[in-house]
Amino acid sequence: EELAQGLLALDPIRTLYGLELWRPLTAACFLGPPSIGWLMNAYYLFEYGSSLERGFGTAQHLLFLGIQIAFLSVCSAFFGQPFFAQSVITSMLHVLSRSMPNQQVKWLIFTVPYWTLPYGLMASDVLQAGSAAAALPHVMGILSGHLYFFHKNIWPKVGGEDWLFPPQFLSRKLDGAGGGDDRSKSKESISNALKARKKGRGKKLGGS
């Protein structure tokens, strides 16, 4: 197990000088040994990732993941974090929650605004671990997700340029003909997708 983790963990020296270029990708995907937490994280990764893909489109979602992996690789190297799958999950959740901040959702036994959910999961992990250090992956994910959300959704509204868009050939290949012709649609599509998935009562997240 230690040998496998050694091959998958983020190691800046071996990545840059040993050309072990798979390490950022495997560090973003490794969820730890099989456990209840592993199952929950796998569910979150699928749930939030598929929601973002439906909202953004496959090409834009692929760009989002690339930005997250690049930014989180730098942050993880700085803070000495060998894996950052939890940060990727939190970044997805942060973007979703920012898209519909006041939407009421059920988490465990509570009904909370969507924007509080990333912080609720962070608090839950801190309490379970009994250490404030458990908050670091979530903080990194929130910062990374907000970096994307700000430049994609907020900066263009105040007069800035939307530069976070995939090449048109990639959009045509993954999303169909004309997928890259109207980039502004991606700013509204995720909110529409979430509203279509969630009407009326809040959806229970994080429950068993």
N, C-alpha and C. Protein backbone atom coordinates (compact mmCIF):
# COMPACT_ATOMS: atom_id res chain seq x y z
N GLU A 1 0.83 -1.21 0.00
CA GLU A 1 0.00 0.00 0.00
C GLU A 1 0.87 1.26 0.00
N GLU A 2 1.92 1.27 0.83
CA GLU A 2 2.80 2.42 0.88
C GLU A 2 3.53 2.61 -0.45
N LEU A 3 3.89 1.48 -1.08
CA LEU A 3 4.56 1.57 -2.38
C LEU A 3 3.63 2.15 -3.42
N ALA A 4 2.35 1.72 -3.41
CA ALA A 4 1.37 2.24 -4.37
C ALA A 4 1.15 3.73 -4.16
N GLN A 5 1.02 4.15 -2.90
CA GLN A 5 0.84 5.56 -2.62
C GLN A 5 2.06 6.37 -3.02
N GLY A 6 3.25 5.76 -2.86
CA GLY A 6 4.47 6.44 -3.26
C GLY A 6 4.52 6.68 -4.76
N LEU A 7 3.92 5.80 -5.52
CA LEU A 7 3.88 5.96 -6.98
C LEU A 7 2.82 6.95 -7.42
N LEU A 8 1.81 7.17 -6.58
CA LEU A 8 0.69 8.03 -6.95
C LEU A 8 0.78 9.43 -6.38
N ALA A 9 1.53 9.60 -5.30
CA ALA A 9 1.56 10.87 -4.58
C ALA A 9 2.23 11.97 -5.39
N LEU A 10 1.85 13.20 -5.09
CA LEU A 10 2.46 14.35 -5.73
C LEU A 10 3.86 14.56 -5.14
N ASP A 11 4.84 14.56 -6.01
CA ASP A 11 6.23 14.81 -5.62
C ASP A 11 6.81 15.79 -6.62
N PRO A 12 6.93 17.07 -6.27
CA PRO A 12 7.37 18.08 -7.25
C PRO A 12 8.71 17.78 -7.87
N ILE A 13 9.67 17.27 -7.09
CA ILE A 13 11.00 17.00 -7.62
C ILE A 13 10.96 15.89 -8.66
N ARG A 14 10.27 14.80 -8.33
CA ARG A 14 10.20 13.67 -9.27
C ARG A 14 9.31 13.99 -10.46
N THR A 15 8.33 14.88 -10.25
CA THR A 15 7.49 15.28 -11.38
C THR A 15 8.26 16.12 -12.37
N LEU A 16 9.01 17.10 -11.87
CA LEU A 16 9.71 18.04 -12.75
C LEU A 16 11.01 17.47 -13.30
N TYR A 17 11.80 16.85 -12.43
CA TYR A 17 13.13 16.41 -12.85
C TYR A 17 13.15 14.93 -13.26
N GLY A 18 12.21 14.16 -12.73
CA GLY A 18 12.13 12.75 -13.13
C GLY A 18 11.12 12.52 -14.23
N LEU A 19 10.43 13.58 -14.65
CA LEU A 19 9.41 13.51 -15.70
C LEU A 19 8.33 12.49 -15.39
N GLU A 20 8.00 12.36 -14.10
CA GLU A 20 6.88 11.49 -13.70
C GLU A 20 5.61 12.34 -13.74
N LEU A 21 5.18 12.62 -14.97
CA LEU A 21 4.14 13.61 -15.21
C LEU A 21 2.74 13.14 -14.84
N TRP A 22 2.60 11.88 -14.46
CA TRP A 22 1.29 11.38 -14.07
C TRP A 22 0.92 11.78 -12.64
N ARG A 23 1.89 12.22 -11.87
CA ARG A 23 1.67 12.43 -10.44
C ARG A 23 0.59 13.47 -10.12
N PRO A 24 0.54 14.63 -10.79
CA PRO A 24 -0.56 15.56 -10.47
C PRO A 24 -1.94 14.96 -10.72
N LEU A 25 -2.07 14.16 -11.77
CA LEU A 25 -3.35 13.54 -12.07
C LEU A 25 -3.73 12.49 -11.04
N THR A 26 -2.77 11.63 -10.69
CA THR A 26 -3.08 10.58 -9.71
C THR A 26 -3.29 11.18 -8.32
N ALA A 27 -2.57 12.26 -8.00
CA ALA A 27 -2.78 12.91 -6.71
C ALA A 27 -4.17 13.52 -6.62
N ALA A 28 -4.72 13.93 -7.77
CA ALA A 28 -6.07 14.51 -7.80
C ALA A 28 -7.15 13.44 -7.75
N CYS A 29 -6.81 12.20 -8.05
CA CYS A 29 -7.81 11.12 -8.13
C CYS A 29 -7.79 10.18 -6.93
N PHE A 30 -6.68 10.13 -6.21
CA PHE A 30 -6.55 9.15 -5.13
C PHE A 30 -7.39 9.55 -3.94
N LEU A 31 -8.32 8.68 -3.54
CA LEU A 31 -9.26 8.97 -2.45
C LEU A 31 -8.88 8.28 -1.15
N GLY A 32 -7.76 7.57 -1.14
CA GLY A 32 -7.36 6.88 0.08
C GLY A 32 -7.77 5.42 0.06
N PRO A 33 -7.44 4.68 1.11
CA PRO A 33 -7.82 3.27 1.19
C PRO A 33 -9.33 3.11 1.31
N PRO A 34 -9.87 1.95 0.89
CA PRO A 34 -11.32 1.73 0.96
C PRO A 34 -11.85 1.89 2.38
N SER A 35 -12.92 2.68 2.51
CA SER A 35 -13.53 2.95 3.81
C SER A 35 -14.87 3.62 3.55
N ILE A 36 -15.60 3.91 4.61
CA ILE A 36 -16.84 4.66 4.47
C ILE A 36 -16.56 6.04 3.90
N GLY A 37 -15.50 6.66 4.39
CA GLY A 37 -15.12 7.97 3.86
C GLY A 37 -14.78 7.92 2.39
N TRP A 38 -14.13 6.83 1.97
CA TRP A 38 -13.80 6.65 0.55
C TRP A 38 -15.08 6.58 -0.28
N LEU A 39 -16.07 5.84 0.21
CA LEU A 39 -17.33 5.73 -0.52
C LEU A 39 -18.04 7.08 -0.61
N MET A 40 -18.05 7.83 0.48
CA MET A 40 -18.70 9.13 0.47
C MET A 40 -18.00 10.09 -0.48
N ASN A 41 -16.65 10.09 -0.45
CA ASN A 41 -15.91 10.98 -1.34
C ASN A 41 -16.12 10.60 -2.81
N ALA A 42 -16.19 9.28 -3.07
CA ALA A 42 -16.44 8.84 -4.45
C ALA A 42 -17.83 9.30 -4.91
N TYR A 43 -18.81 9.23 -4.01
CA TYR A 43 -20.15 9.71 -4.34
C TYR A 43 -20.14 11.21 -4.61
N TYR A 44 -19.49 11.97 -3.73
CA TYR A 44 -19.41 13.42 -3.93
C TYR A 44 -18.73 13.76 -5.24
N LEU A 45 -17.64 13.05 -5.55
CA LEU A 45 -16.90 13.32 -6.78
C LEU A 45 -17.79 13.09 -8.00
N PHE A 46 -18.55 12.00 -7.96
CA PHE A 46 -19.45 11.71 -9.09
C PHE A 46 -20.61 12.71 -9.14
N GLU A 47 -21.22 12.99 -7.99
CA GLU A 47 -22.40 13.85 -7.95
C GLU A 47 -22.07 15.27 -8.38
N TYR A 48 -21.06 15.86 -7.78
CA TYR A 48 -20.73 17.24 -8.10
C TYR A 48 -20.09 17.36 -9.48
N GLY A 49 -19.26 16.38 -9.83
CA GLY A 49 -18.63 16.41 -11.14
C GLY A 49 -19.63 16.28 -12.27
N SER A 50 -20.60 15.36 -12.13
CA SER A 50 -21.60 15.20 -13.19
C SER A 50 -22.52 16.41 -13.27
N SER A 51 -22.80 17.05 -12.12
CA SER A 51 -23.64 18.26 -12.14
C SER A 51 -22.93 19.38 -12.89
N LEU A 52 -21.65 19.54 -12.64
CA LEU A 52 -20.89 20.58 -13.35
C LEU A 52 -20.79 20.28 -14.83
N GLU A 53 -20.60 19.03 -15.18
CA GLU A 53 -20.49 18.68 -16.61
C GLU A 53 -21.80 18.94 -17.33
N ARG A 54 -22.93 18.61 -16.69
CA ARG A 54 -24.22 18.90 -17.31
C ARG A 54 -24.43 20.40 -17.46
N GLY A 55 -23.95 21.16 -16.49
CA GLY A 55 -24.14 22.59 -16.55
C GLY A 55 -23.20 23.29 -17.51
N PHE A 56 -21.92 22.91 -17.49
CA PHE A 56 -20.92 23.58 -18.31
C PHE A 56 -20.82 23.02 -19.72
N GLY A 57 -21.06 21.72 -19.86
CA GLY A 57 -20.67 21.01 -21.07
C GLY A 57 -19.35 20.32 -20.83
N THR A 58 -19.08 19.27 -21.60
CA THR A 58 -17.91 18.44 -21.35
C THR A 58 -16.61 19.20 -21.57
N ALA A 59 -16.53 20.00 -22.61
CA ALA A 59 -15.29 20.72 -22.91
C ALA A 59 -14.96 21.73 -21.81
N GLN A 60 -15.95 22.51 -21.39
CA GLN A 60 -15.72 23.49 -20.33
C GLN A 60 -15.40 22.80 -19.02
N HIS A 61 -16.05 21.68 -18.76
CA HIS A 61 -15.76 20.94 -17.54
C HIS A 61 -14.34 20.40 -17.55
N LEU A 62 -13.88 19.96 -18.71
CA LEU A 62 -12.50 19.48 -18.83
C LEU A 62 -11.51 20.61 -18.55
N LEU A 63 -11.82 21.81 -19.04
CA LEU A 63 -10.99 22.97 -18.75
C LEU A 63 -11.00 23.28 -17.26
N PHE A 64 -12.17 23.22 -16.64
CA PHE A 64 -12.28 23.45 -15.20
C PHE A 64 -11.38 22.48 -14.43
N LEU A 65 -11.43 21.20 -14.78
CA LEU A 65 -10.62 20.21 -14.08
C LEU A 65 -9.13 20.47 -14.28
N GLY A 66 -8.75 20.87 -15.50
CA GLY A 66 -7.35 21.17 -15.75
C GLY A 66 -6.85 22.33 -14.90
N ILE A 67 -7.69 23.37 -14.76
CA ILE A 67 -7.31 24.52 -13.94
C ILE A 67 -7.19 24.11 -12.48
N GLN A 68 -8.13 23.29 -12.01
CA GLN A 68 -8.09 22.86 -10.62
C GLN A 68 -6.84 22.03 -10.34
N ILE A 69 -6.53 21.10 -11.21
CA ILE A 69 -5.37 20.24 -11.00
C ILE A 69 -4.08 21.06 -11.01
N ALA A 70 -3.98 22.02 -11.94
CA ALA A 70 -2.78 22.85 -12.01
C ALA A 70 -2.62 23.71 -10.75
N PHE A 71 -3.69 24.40 -10.36
CA PHE A 71 -3.61 25.29 -9.20
C PHE A 71 -3.39 24.49 -7.91
N LEU A 72 -4.13 23.39 -7.76
CA LEU A 72 -4.01 22.60 -6.54
C LEU A 72 -2.69 21.86 -6.46
N SER A 73 -2.08 21.55 -7.59
CA SER A 73 -0.75 20.93 -7.57
C SER A 73 0.26 21.89 -6.96
N VAL A 74 0.18 23.16 -7.34
CA VAL A 74 1.08 24.16 -6.79
C VAL A 74 0.84 24.35 -5.29
N CYS A 75 -0.45 24.48 -4.92
CA CYS A 75 -0.78 24.67 -3.51
C CYS A 75 -0.37 23.45 -2.68
N SER A 76 -0.63 22.26 -3.19
CA SER A 76 -0.30 21.04 -2.45
C SER A 76 1.20 20.88 -2.29
N ALA A 77 1.96 21.24 -3.32
CA ALA A 77 3.43 21.18 -3.21
C ALA A 77 3.91 22.16 -2.15
N PHE A 78 3.30 23.34 -2.10
CA PHE A 78 3.70 24.36 -1.12
C PHE A 78 3.40 23.92 0.30
N PHE A 79 2.23 23.30 0.50
CA PHE A 79 1.81 22.90 1.86
C PHE A 79 2.20 21.46 2.19
N GLY A 80 2.85 20.77 1.28
CA GLY A 80 3.30 19.41 1.56
C GLY A 80 2.18 18.39 1.59
N GLN A 81 1.16 18.59 0.76
CA GLN A 81 0.03 17.65 0.68
C GLN A 81 0.28 16.67 -0.46
N PRO A 82 0.40 15.37 -0.18
CA PRO A 82 0.69 14.41 -1.26
C PRO A 82 -0.49 14.13 -2.16
N PHE A 83 -1.71 14.30 -1.65
CA PHE A 83 -2.92 14.05 -2.43
C PHE A 83 -3.89 15.21 -2.23
N PHE A 84 -4.72 15.48 -3.25
CA PHE A 84 -5.65 16.60 -3.12
C PHE A 84 -7.00 16.32 -3.77
N ALA A 85 -7.42 15.05 -3.76
CA ALA A 85 -8.74 14.71 -4.29
C ALA A 85 -9.85 15.42 -3.51
N GLN A 86 -9.68 15.53 -2.18
CA GLN A 86 -10.68 16.21 -1.37
C GLN A 86 -10.79 17.68 -1.77
N SER A 87 -9.68 18.29 -2.13
CA SER A 87 -9.69 19.68 -2.57
C SER A 87 -10.43 19.83 -3.90
N VAL A 88 -10.27 18.86 -4.79
CA VAL A 88 -10.99 18.90 -6.06
C VAL A 88 -12.49 18.81 -5.82
N ILE A 89 -12.90 17.91 -4.93
CA ILE A 89 -14.32 17.78 -4.59
C ILE A 89 -14.86 19.08 -4.03
N THR A 90 -14.12 19.69 -3.11
CA THR A 90 -14.57 20.94 -2.51
C THR A 90 -14.64 22.06 -3.53
N SER A 91 -13.71 22.09 -4.47
CA SER A 91 -13.75 23.13 -5.50
C SER A 91 -14.99 22.98 -6.37
N MET A 92 -15.37 21.75 -6.71
CA MET A 92 -16.60 21.53 -7.46
C MET A 92 -17.81 22.00 -6.67
N LEU A 93 -17.86 21.61 -5.40
CA LEU A 93 -18.99 21.99 -4.56
C LEU A 93 -19.06 23.51 -4.40
N HIS A 94 -17.92 24.16 -4.28
CA HIS A 94 -17.91 25.61 -4.12
C HIS A 94 -18.50 26.31 -5.34
N VAL A 95 -18.12 25.86 -6.54
CA VAL A 95 -18.65 26.46 -7.75
C VAL A 95 -20.15 26.24 -7.85
N LEU A 96 -20.61 25.03 -7.51
CA LEU A 96 -22.04 24.75 -7.53
C LEU A 96 -22.79 25.63 -6.52
N SER A 97 -22.24 25.74 -5.32
CA SER A 97 -22.91 26.50 -4.28
C SER A 97 -22.93 27.99 -4.59
N ARG A 98 -21.90 28.48 -5.25
CA ARG A 98 -21.88 29.88 -5.63
C ARG A 98 -22.86 30.17 -6.77
N SER A 99 -23.16 29.16 -7.57
CA SER A 99 -24.10 29.34 -8.67
C SER A 99 -25.52 29.51 -8.16
N MET A 100 -25.84 28.84 -7.06
CA MET A 100 -27.18 28.94 -6.46
C MET A 100 -27.02 29.10 -4.95
N PRO A 101 -26.49 30.22 -4.48
CA PRO A 101 -26.11 30.34 -3.07
C PRO A 101 -27.27 30.23 -2.10
N ASN A 102 -28.45 30.67 -2.49
CA ASN A 102 -29.58 30.69 -1.55
C ASN A 102 -30.51 29.49 -1.69
N GLN A 103 -30.19 28.57 -2.59
CA GLN A 103 -30.98 27.35 -2.73
C GLN A 103 -30.90 26.54 -1.44
N GLN A 104 -32.04 26.12 -0.93
CA GLN A 104 -32.08 25.33 0.30
C GLN A 104 -31.83 23.86 -0.02
N VAL A 105 -30.86 23.26 0.68
CA VAL A 105 -30.55 21.85 0.50
C VAL A 105 -30.50 21.18 1.87
N LYS A 106 -30.73 19.88 1.88
CA LYS A 106 -30.66 19.13 3.12
C LYS A 106 -29.30 18.46 3.23
N TRP A 107 -28.63 18.70 4.33
CA TRP A 107 -27.36 18.07 4.64
C TRP A 107 -27.46 17.44 6.01
N LEU A 108 -27.29 16.10 6.05
CA LEU A 108 -27.52 15.35 7.27
C LEU A 108 -28.95 15.61 7.75
N ILE A 109 -29.14 16.23 8.90
CA ILE A 109 -30.49 16.49 9.40
C ILE A 109 -30.86 17.97 9.30
N PHE A 110 -30.00 18.76 8.64
CA PHE A 110 -30.21 20.19 8.60
C PHE A 110 -30.61 20.63 7.19
N THR A 111 -31.42 21.68 7.12
CA THR A 111 -31.70 22.36 5.87
C THR A 111 -30.93 23.66 5.88
N VAL A 112 -30.02 23.81 4.92
CA VAL A 112 -29.09 24.94 4.93
C VAL A 112 -29.04 25.58 3.55
N PRO A 113 -28.64 26.85 3.47
CA PRO A 113 -28.39 27.45 2.15
C PRO A 113 -27.22 26.75 1.47
N TYR A 114 -27.30 26.66 0.16
CA TYR A 114 -26.28 25.91 -0.59
C TYR A 114 -24.88 26.46 -0.34
N TRP A 115 -24.75 27.79 -0.16
CA TRP A 115 -23.42 28.38 -0.04
C TRP A 115 -22.70 27.92 1.22
N THR A 116 -23.44 27.43 2.22
CA THR A 116 -22.81 27.00 3.46
C THR A 116 -22.29 25.57 3.39
N LEU A 117 -22.67 24.82 2.37
CA LEU A 117 -22.36 23.39 2.34
C LEU A 117 -20.86 23.10 2.33
N PRO A 118 -20.04 23.80 1.53
CA PRO A 118 -18.59 23.51 1.60
C PRO A 118 -18.02 23.70 3.00
N TYR A 119 -18.51 24.71 3.70
CA TYR A 119 -18.01 24.97 5.05
C TYR A 119 -18.53 23.94 6.04
N GLY A 120 -19.76 23.45 5.81
CA GLY A 120 -20.29 22.40 6.66
C GLY A 120 -19.50 21.11 6.54
N LEU A 121 -19.13 20.74 5.31
CA LEU A 121 -18.32 19.55 5.11
C LEU A 121 -16.94 19.72 5.72
N MET A 122 -16.39 20.93 5.63
CA MET A 122 -15.09 21.20 6.24
C MET A 122 -15.17 21.05 7.75
N ALA A 123 -16.21 21.62 8.36
CA ALA A 123 -16.36 21.51 9.80
C ALA A 123 -16.55 20.06 10.23
N SER A 124 -17.30 19.29 9.43
CA SER A 124 -17.52 17.88 9.74
C SER A 124 -16.22 17.10 9.74
N ASP A 125 -15.37 17.34 8.74
CA ASP A 125 -14.09 16.64 8.66
C ASP A 125 -13.17 17.04 9.81
N VAL A 126 -13.19 18.31 10.19
CA VAL A 126 -12.36 18.77 11.30
C VAL A 126 -12.79 18.09 12.60
N LEU A 127 -14.09 17.99 12.82
CA LEU A 127 -14.59 17.35 14.03
C LEU A 127 -14.27 15.87 14.05
N GLN A 128 -14.41 15.20 12.90
CA GLN A 128 -14.12 13.78 12.84
C GLN A 128 -12.63 13.50 13.05
N ALA A 129 -11.77 14.36 12.48
CA ALA A 129 -10.34 14.15 12.61
C ALA A 129 -9.80 14.64 13.95
N GLY A 130 -10.54 15.55 14.60
CA GLY A 130 -10.07 16.11 15.85
C GLY A 130 -8.87 17.01 15.69
N SER A 131 -8.72 17.57 14.48
CA SER A 131 -7.56 18.43 14.21
C SER A 131 -7.94 19.49 13.19
N ALA A 132 -7.48 20.72 13.43
CA ALA A 132 -7.76 21.80 12.49
C ALA A 132 -7.05 21.59 11.16
N ALA A 133 -6.03 20.73 11.14
CA ALA A 133 -5.30 20.47 9.90
C ALA A 133 -6.19 19.84 8.83
N ALA A 134 -7.29 19.19 9.26
CA ALA A 134 -8.21 18.58 8.30
C ALA A 134 -8.93 19.62 7.46
N ALA A 135 -8.89 20.88 7.88
CA ALA A 135 -9.55 21.94 7.12
C ALA A 135 -8.73 22.38 5.91
N LEU A 136 -7.42 22.09 5.91
CA LEU A 136 -6.56 22.60 4.83
C LEU A 136 -6.99 22.16 3.44
N PRO A 137 -7.30 20.88 3.18
CA PRO A 137 -7.75 20.51 1.83
C PRO A 137 -9.01 21.26 1.40
N HIS A 138 -9.91 21.49 2.34
CA HIS A 138 -11.13 22.21 2.00
C HIS A 138 -10.85 23.68 1.70
N VAL A 139 -9.97 24.30 2.49
CA VAL A 139 -9.61 25.69 2.24
C VAL A 139 -8.96 25.83 0.86
N MET A 140 -8.08 24.90 0.52
CA MET A 140 -7.45 24.92 -0.79
C MET A 140 -8.49 24.77 -1.90
N GLY A 141 -9.46 23.87 -1.70
CA GLY A 141 -10.50 23.66 -2.69
C GLY A 141 -11.39 24.87 -2.87
N ILE A 142 -11.73 25.52 -1.75
CA ILE A 142 -12.57 26.72 -1.82
C ILE A 142 -11.84 27.83 -2.58
N LEU A 143 -10.56 28.02 -2.28
CA LEU A 143 -9.77 29.05 -2.97
C LEU A 143 -9.64 28.74 -4.46
N SER A 144 -9.38 27.47 -4.76
CA SER A 144 -9.22 27.08 -6.17
C SER A 144 -10.53 27.21 -6.93
N GLY A 145 -11.63 26.76 -6.32
CA GLY A 145 -12.93 26.89 -6.96
C GLY A 145 -13.33 28.35 -7.15
N HIS A 146 -13.00 29.18 -6.16
CA HIS A 146 -13.37 30.59 -6.28
C HIS A 146 -12.53 31.29 -7.35
N LEU A 147 -11.29 30.87 -7.51
CA LEU A 147 -10.46 31.43 -8.58
C LEU A 147 -11.14 31.23 -9.94
N TYR A 148 -11.65 30.03 -10.15
CA TYR A 148 -12.35 29.76 -11.41
C TYR A 148 -13.66 30.54 -11.48
N PHE A 149 -14.46 30.47 -10.42
CA PHE A 149 -15.78 31.10 -10.44
C PHE A 149 -15.67 32.61 -10.65
N PHE A 150 -14.69 33.24 -10.00
CA PHE A 150 -14.53 34.68 -10.13
C PHE A 150 -14.21 35.07 -11.57
N HIS A 151 -13.24 34.38 -12.16
CA HIS A 151 -12.83 34.75 -13.52
C HIS A 151 -13.86 34.35 -14.57
N LYS A 152 -14.69 33.37 -14.28
CA LYS A 152 -15.68 32.91 -15.25
C LYS A 152 -17.00 33.64 -15.13
N ASN A 153 -17.41 33.96 -13.90
CA ASN A 153 -18.76 34.48 -13.69
C ASN A 153 -18.83 35.91 -13.18
N ILE A 154 -17.84 36.33 -12.41
CA ILE A 154 -17.89 37.66 -11.80
C ILE A 154 -17.11 38.69 -12.62
N TRP A 155 -15.89 38.35 -12.99
CA TRP A 155 -15.04 39.29 -13.72
C TRP A 155 -15.67 39.78 -15.02
N PRO A 156 -16.26 38.93 -15.84
CA PRO A 156 -16.89 39.44 -17.07
C PRO A 156 -18.05 40.40 -16.81
N LYS A 157 -18.75 40.24 -15.69
CA LYS A 157 -19.89 41.11 -15.40
C LYS A 157 -19.48 42.52 -15.02
N VAL A 158 -18.23 42.70 -14.61
CA VAL A 158 -17.75 44.04 -14.25
C VAL A 158 -16.86 44.63 -15.34
N GLY A 159 -16.96 44.06 -16.54
CA GLY A 159 -16.24 44.61 -17.67
C GLY A 159 -15.00 43.86 -18.08
N GLY A 160 -14.64 42.81 -17.35
CA GLY A 160 -13.46 42.03 -17.72
C GLY A 160 -13.75 41.06 -18.85
N GLU A 161 -12.70 40.46 -19.35
CA GLU A 161 -12.83 39.52 -20.47
C GLU A 161 -12.94 38.09 -19.95
N ASP A 162 -13.85 37.35 -20.52
CA ASP A 162 -13.99 35.93 -20.20
C ASP A 162 -12.97 35.16 -21.03
N TRP A 163 -11.88 34.77 -20.38
CA TRP A 163 -10.82 34.04 -21.09
C TRP A 163 -10.78 32.56 -20.73
N LEU A 164 -11.68 32.14 -19.85
CA LEU A 164 -11.71 30.73 -19.46
C LEU A 164 -12.72 29.98 -20.32
N PHE A 165 -12.33 29.69 -21.55
CA PHE A 165 -13.19 28.92 -22.43
C PHE A 165 -12.33 27.95 -23.22
N PRO A 166 -12.86 26.79 -23.55
CA PRO A 166 -12.08 25.78 -24.27
C PRO A 166 -11.95 26.14 -25.74
N PRO A 167 -10.96 25.59 -26.41
CA PRO A 167 -10.84 25.81 -27.87
C PRO A 167 -12.09 25.32 -28.59
N GLN A 168 -12.44 25.99 -29.67
CA GLN A 168 -13.66 25.63 -30.38
C GLN A 168 -13.61 24.21 -30.92
N PHE A 169 -12.44 23.76 -31.35
CA PHE A 169 -12.36 22.39 -31.88
C PHE A 169 -12.68 21.37 -30.79
N LEU A 170 -12.28 21.68 -29.55
CA LEU A 170 -12.57 20.76 -28.45
C LEU A 170 -14.06 20.78 -28.12
N SER A 171 -14.66 21.98 -28.15
CA SER A 171 -16.10 22.08 -27.89
C SER A 171 -16.89 21.35 -28.96
N ARG A 172 -16.49 21.50 -30.23
CA ARG A 172 -17.20 20.80 -31.30
C ARG A 172 -17.05 19.30 -31.17
N LYS A 173 -15.86 18.87 -30.75
CA LYS A 173 -15.60 17.43 -30.63
C LYS A 173 -16.39 16.81 -29.48
N LEU A 174 -16.43 17.50 -28.35
CA LEU A 174 -17.03 16.92 -27.15
C LEU A 174 -18.49 17.30 -26.93
N ASP A 175 -18.88 18.48 -27.41
CA ASP A 175 -20.23 18.97 -27.14
C ASP A 175 -21.09 19.08 -28.39
N GLY A 176 -20.55 18.74 -29.56
CA GLY A 176 -21.33 18.81 -30.78
C GLY A 176 -21.04 20.07 -31.57
N ALA A 177 -21.56 20.13 -32.78
CA ALA A 177 -21.32 21.26 -33.67
C ALA A 177 -21.85 22.53 -33.06
N GLY A 178 -21.00 23.58 -33.14
CA GLY A 178 -21.40 24.89 -32.64
C GLY A 178 -21.29 25.02 -31.14
N GLY A 179 -20.64 24.01 -30.48
CA GLY A 179 -20.56 24.05 -29.04
C GLY A 179 -19.77 25.22 -28.51
N GLY A 180 -18.84 25.76 -29.30
CA GLY A 180 -18.04 26.86 -28.80
C GLY A 180 -18.43 28.20 -29.35
N ASP A 181 -19.56 28.30 -30.08
CA ASP A 181 -19.92 29.55 -30.74
C ASP A 181 -20.44 30.59 -29.78
N ASP A 182 -21.09 30.16 -28.72
CA ASP A 182 -21.67 31.12 -27.79
C ASP A 182 -21.19 30.79 -26.38
N ARG A 183 -20.05 31.36 -26.01
CA ARG A 183 -19.43 31.02 -24.74
C ARG A 183 -20.23 31.53 -23.57
N SER A 184 -21.02 32.58 -23.78
CA SER A 184 -21.77 33.16 -22.65
C SER A 184 -22.84 32.22 -22.13
N LYS A 185 -23.25 31.23 -22.94
CA LYS A 185 -24.28 30.30 -22.48
C LYS A 185 -23.81 29.50 -21.27
N SER A 186 -22.51 29.23 -21.19
CA SER A 186 -22.00 28.43 -20.08
C SER A 186 -22.15 29.13 -18.75
N LYS A 187 -22.25 30.47 -18.73
CA LYS A 187 -22.40 31.20 -17.49
C LYS A 187 -23.77 30.97 -16.87
N GLU A 188 -24.78 30.73 -17.71
CA GLU A 188 -26.14 30.56 -17.21
C GLU A 188 -26.58 29.10 -17.19
N SER A 189 -25.91 28.25 -17.94
CA SER A 189 -26.39 26.88 -18.10
C SER A 189 -26.32 26.08 -16.82
N ILE A 190 -25.30 26.31 -15.99
CA ILE A 190 -25.18 25.53 -14.77
C ILE A 190 -26.31 25.85 -13.81
N SER A 191 -26.68 27.13 -13.72
CA SER A 191 -27.80 27.50 -12.86
C SER A 191 -29.09 26.87 -13.36
N ASN A 192 -29.30 26.89 -14.67
CA ASN A 192 -30.50 26.28 -15.24
C ASN A 192 -30.52 24.78 -15.01
N ALA A 193 -29.35 24.15 -15.14
CA ALA A 193 -29.28 22.70 -14.94
C ALA A 193 -29.60 22.35 -13.50
N LEU A 194 -29.07 23.12 -12.56
CA LEU A 194 -29.34 22.84 -11.16
C LEU A 194 -30.79 23.08 -10.80
N LYS A 195 -31.39 24.13 -11.36
CA LYS A 195 -32.79 24.42 -11.08
C LYS A 195 -33.68 23.30 -11.64
N ALA A 196 -33.28 22.74 -12.77
CA ALA A 196 -34.06 21.64 -13.35
C ALA A 196 -33.97 20.39 -12.49
N ARG A 197 -32.79 20.20 -11.85
CA ARG A 197 -32.61 19.03 -11.00
C ARG A 197 -33.28 19.19 -9.65
N LYS A 198 -33.43 20.42 -9.20
CA LYS A 198 -33.86 20.66 -7.84
C LYS A 198 -35.00 21.67 -7.80
N LYS A 199 -36.18 21.21 -7.58
CA LYS A 199 -37.33 22.10 -7.41
C LYS A 199 -38.07 21.69 -6.15
N GLY A 200 -38.59 22.66 -5.46
CA GLY A 200 -39.37 22.37 -4.26
C GLY A 200 -38.48 22.12 -3.08
N ARG A 201 -38.61 20.96 -2.45
CA ARG A 201 -37.92 20.67 -1.20
C ARG A 201 -36.45 20.45 -1.47
N GLY A 202 -35.63 20.71 -0.43
CA GLY A 202 -34.19 20.55 -0.56
C GLY A 202 -33.82 19.10 -0.73
N LYS A 203 -32.71 18.90 -1.40
CA LYS A 203 -32.20 17.56 -1.60
C LYS A 203 -31.24 17.20 -0.50
N LYS A 204 -31.31 16.00 -0.02
CA LYS A 204 -30.45 15.57 1.08
C LYS A 204 -29.08 15.23 0.54
N LEU A 205 -28.05 15.87 1.11
CA LEU A 205 -26.68 15.61 0.72
C LEU A 205 -25.89 15.17 1.94
N GLY A 206 -25.02 14.22 1.73
CA GLY A 206 -24.15 13.79 2.80
C GLY A 206 -24.81 12.86 3.80
N GLY A 207 -26.03 12.47 3.53
CA GLY A 207 -26.70 11.55 4.43
C GLY A 207 -26.46 10.13 4.04
N SER A 208 -26.81 9.19 4.87
CA SER A 208 -26.64 7.77 4.57
C SER A 208 -27.91 7.21 3.98
